């Protein structure tokens, strides 16, 4: 796994200053209720980040070809230069329960 700049990242090791800077530059804030719930309940903060003041509230997302599939909760994330982070709701009917909560509507 690497940062957008190609710096290697290990979620098992506490990041050094160079990697911390790269991680913070690549971070985005997400307020979408379904995504926040997914990351806090299912992903969690890596153990090596929990006692780090800058990372203890961050959750890793692995993007491949600028895309992260979260099909288990009915979403796909896209990273673009033009818009930054885009959240796409998948049209899978098994995820209709997500639209019943007012806070989950886009």
Protein backbone atom coordinates (compact mmCIF):
# COMPACT_ATOMS: atom_id res chain seq x y z
CA UNK A 1 0.00 0.00 0.00
CA UNK A 2 1.27 3.48 -0.83
CA UNK A 3 0.26 7.10 -0.44
CA UNK A 4 -0.83 9.03 -3.55
CA UNK A 5 2.81 10.15 -3.82
CA UNK A 6 4.04 6.54 -3.87
CA UNK A 7 5.37 6.44 -0.30
CA UNK A 8 4.97 2.96 1.22
CA UNK A 9 2.50 2.77 4.12
CA UNK A 10 2.07 0.00 6.67
CA UNK A 11 -1.02 0.02 8.88
CA UNK A 12 0.87 -2.13 11.39
CA UNK A 13 3.68 0.35 12.08
CA UNK A 14 3.46 3.81 13.60
CA UNK A 15 4.14 6.20 10.70
CA UNK A 16 7.27 8.32 10.70
CA UNK A 17 7.06 12.06 10.00
CA UNK A 18 7.31 11.67 6.22
CA UNK A 19 4.50 9.11 6.08
CA UNK A 20 2.39 11.02 8.60
CA UNK A 21 2.63 14.11 6.40
CA UNK A 22 1.65 12.08 3.34
CA UNK A 23 -1.30 10.52 5.20
CA UNK A 24 -2.56 13.88 6.44
CA UNK A 25 -2.27 15.42 2.96
CA UNK A 26 -4.32 12.54 1.57
CA UNK A 27 -7.04 12.66 4.23
CA UNK A 28 -10.58 13.94 3.72
CA UNK A 29 -13.42 14.58 6.14
CA UNK A 30 -16.53 12.47 5.64
CA UNK A 31 -19.82 13.36 7.31
CA UNK A 32 -22.08 10.98 5.37
CA UNK A 33 -23.93 9.02 8.12
CA UNK A 34 -23.83 5.59 6.45
CA UNK A 35 -20.12 5.88 5.69
CA UNK A 36 -19.23 7.15 9.18
CA UNK A 37 -21.21 4.30 10.71
CA UNK A 38 -19.47 1.76 8.45
CA UNK A 39 -15.98 3.00 9.29
CA UNK A 40 -16.53 3.35 13.03
CA UNK A 41 -18.33 0.01 13.43
CA UNK A 42 -16.65 -2.20 10.81
CA UNK A 43 -13.25 -0.78 9.85
CA UNK A 44 -11.82 0.79 12.98
CA UNK A 45 -8.65 2.74 13.55
CA UNK A 46 -5.47 0.69 13.06
CA UNK A 47 -3.81 -0.17 16.38
CA UNK A 48 -0.64 1.67 15.35
CA UNK A 49 -2.66 4.89 14.90
CA UNK A 50 -4.76 4.80 18.10
CA UNK A 51 -2.26 6.60 20.34
CA UNK A 52 -1.20 9.09 17.66
CA UNK A 53 -2.77 12.54 18.13
CA UNK A 54 -3.08 13.17 14.39
CA UNK A 55 -4.39 9.74 13.37
CA UNK A 56 -6.50 8.40 16.23
CA UNK A 57 -9.74 9.59 14.58
CA UNK A 58 -8.83 8.50 11.03
CA UNK A 59 -9.93 5.36 9.21
CA UNK A 60 -7.98 3.92 6.28
CA UNK A 61 -9.69 3.45 2.93
CA UNK A 62 -7.87 1.60 0.19
CA UNK A 63 -8.52 2.94 -3.30
CA UNK A 64 -7.63 0.99 -6.43
CA UNK A 65 -7.68 2.96 -9.68
CA UNK A 66 -9.21 5.90 -7.78
CA UNK A 67 -12.13 3.75 -6.56
CA UNK A 68 -13.07 2.06 -3.29
CA UNK A 69 -16.00 -0.35 -3.41
CA UNK A 70 -18.11 -0.58 -0.27
CA UNK A 71 -20.71 -2.88 -1.79
CA UNK A 72 -21.51 -4.37 1.61
CA UNK A 73 -23.18 -1.08 2.53
CA UNK A 74 -24.27 -0.11 -0.97
CA UNK A 75 -21.75 2.63 -1.81
CA UNK A 76 -18.72 3.25 -4.00
CA UNK A 77 -16.18 6.01 -3.42
CA UNK A 78 -14.38 7.79 -6.26
CA UNK A 79 -11.41 10.15 -6.06
CA UNK A 80 -11.12 12.74 -8.81
CA UNK A 81 -8.94 15.81 -9.26
CA UNK A 82 -11.95 17.88 -10.24
CA UNK A 83 -14.37 17.01 -7.41
CA UNK A 84 -12.26 15.28 -4.77
CA UNK A 85 -14.20 12.52 -3.00
CA UNK A 86 -17.41 11.45 -4.72
CA UNK A 87 -19.90 9.14 -3.01
CA UNK A 88 -21.96 6.94 -5.30
CA UNK A 89 -24.98 5.03 -4.03
CA UNK A 90 -25.17 1.64 -5.70
CA UNK A 91 -28.51 0.65 -7.16
CA UNK A 92 -28.58 -2.79 -5.55
CA UNK A 93 -32.11 -3.39 -4.19
CA UNK A 94 -30.70 -5.29 -1.20
CA UNK A 95 -29.47 -1.95 0.17
CA UNK A 96 -32.85 -0.15 0.16
CA UNK A 97 -32.82 -0.08 3.96
CA UNK A 98 -30.11 2.61 3.81
CA UNK A 99 -32.46 5.10 2.18
CA UNK A 100 -35.02 4.83 4.99
CA UNK A 101 -32.94 7.02 7.27
CA UNK A 102 -33.32 10.71 6.52
CA UNK A 103 -29.65 11.40 7.28
CA UNK A 104 -28.50 8.89 4.66
CA UNK A 105 -30.20 10.62 1.74
CA UNK A 106 -27.94 12.52 -0.61
